[in-house]
Protein backbone atom coordinates (compact mmCIF):
# COMPACT_ATOMS: atom_id res chain seq x y z
CA UNK A 1 100.42 127.67 104.11
CA UNK A 2 103.01 125.06 103.54
CA UNK A 3 102.51 122.33 100.97
CA UNK A 4 102.32 119.65 103.66
CA UNK A 5 99.63 121.52 105.58
CA UNK A 6 97.58 121.98 102.42
CA UNK A 7 98.03 118.31 101.64
CA UNK A 8 96.85 117.28 105.12
CA UNK A 9 93.79 119.52 104.89
CA UNK A 10 93.00 118.10 101.45
CA UNK A 11 93.39 114.51 102.61
CA UNK A 12 91.18 115.17 105.62
CA UNK A 13 88.47 116.49 103.33
CA UNK A 14 88.87 113.62 100.86
CA UNK A 15 88.61 110.95 103.52
CA UNK A 16 85.36 112.51 104.76
CA UNK A 17 84.07 112.52 101.17
CA UNK A 18 84.86 108.90 100.29
CA UNK A 19 81.62 108.58 98.34
CA UNK A 20 82.75 111.26 95.90
CA UNK A 21 84.57 109.50 93.03
CA UNK A 22 85.83 112.77 91.52
CA UNK A 23 87.63 113.77 94.72
CA UNK A 24 89.05 110.28 95.07
CA UNK A 25 90.29 110.43 91.50
CA UNK A 26 91.93 113.79 92.16
CA UNK A 27 93.62 112.40 95.26
CA UNK A 28 94.95 109.50 93.21
CA UNK A 29 96.66 112.02 90.93
CA UNK A 30 98.56 113.87 93.69
CA UNK A 31 102.23 113.19 93.06
CA UNK A 32 103.07 114.38 96.57
CA UNK A 33 101.39 111.26 97.97
CA UNK A 34 103.17 107.94 98.30
CA UNK A 35 102.30 105.52 95.52
CA UNK A 36 100.45 103.23 97.95
CA UNK A 37 98.14 106.11 98.91
CA UNK A 38 97.51 107.00 95.28
CA UNK A 39 96.72 103.35 94.57
CA UNK A 40 94.29 103.28 97.50
CA UNK A 41 92.44 106.40 96.32
CA UNK A 42 92.37 105.08 92.74
CA UNK A 43 90.82 101.81 93.90
CA UNK A 44 88.23 103.66 96.01
CA UNK A 45 87.39 105.84 93.02
CA UNK A 46 86.85 102.75 90.83
CA UNK A 47 84.60 101.20 93.46
CA UNK A 48 82.46 104.35 93.59
CA UNK A 49 82.24 104.43 89.79
CA UNK A 50 80.88 100.86 89.79
CA UNK A 51 78.00 101.70 92.18
């Protein structure tokens, strides 16, 4: 599979699992994502950690 396809599959899974702070944290670390996306996932991860 191409990198982009793997990335899309991963993002699809992550967005379905938005209550999983570990997955959100991992998404925030993906350098292939635009910085704004990484920031979004990082913020979602922090919110889940505070629950």
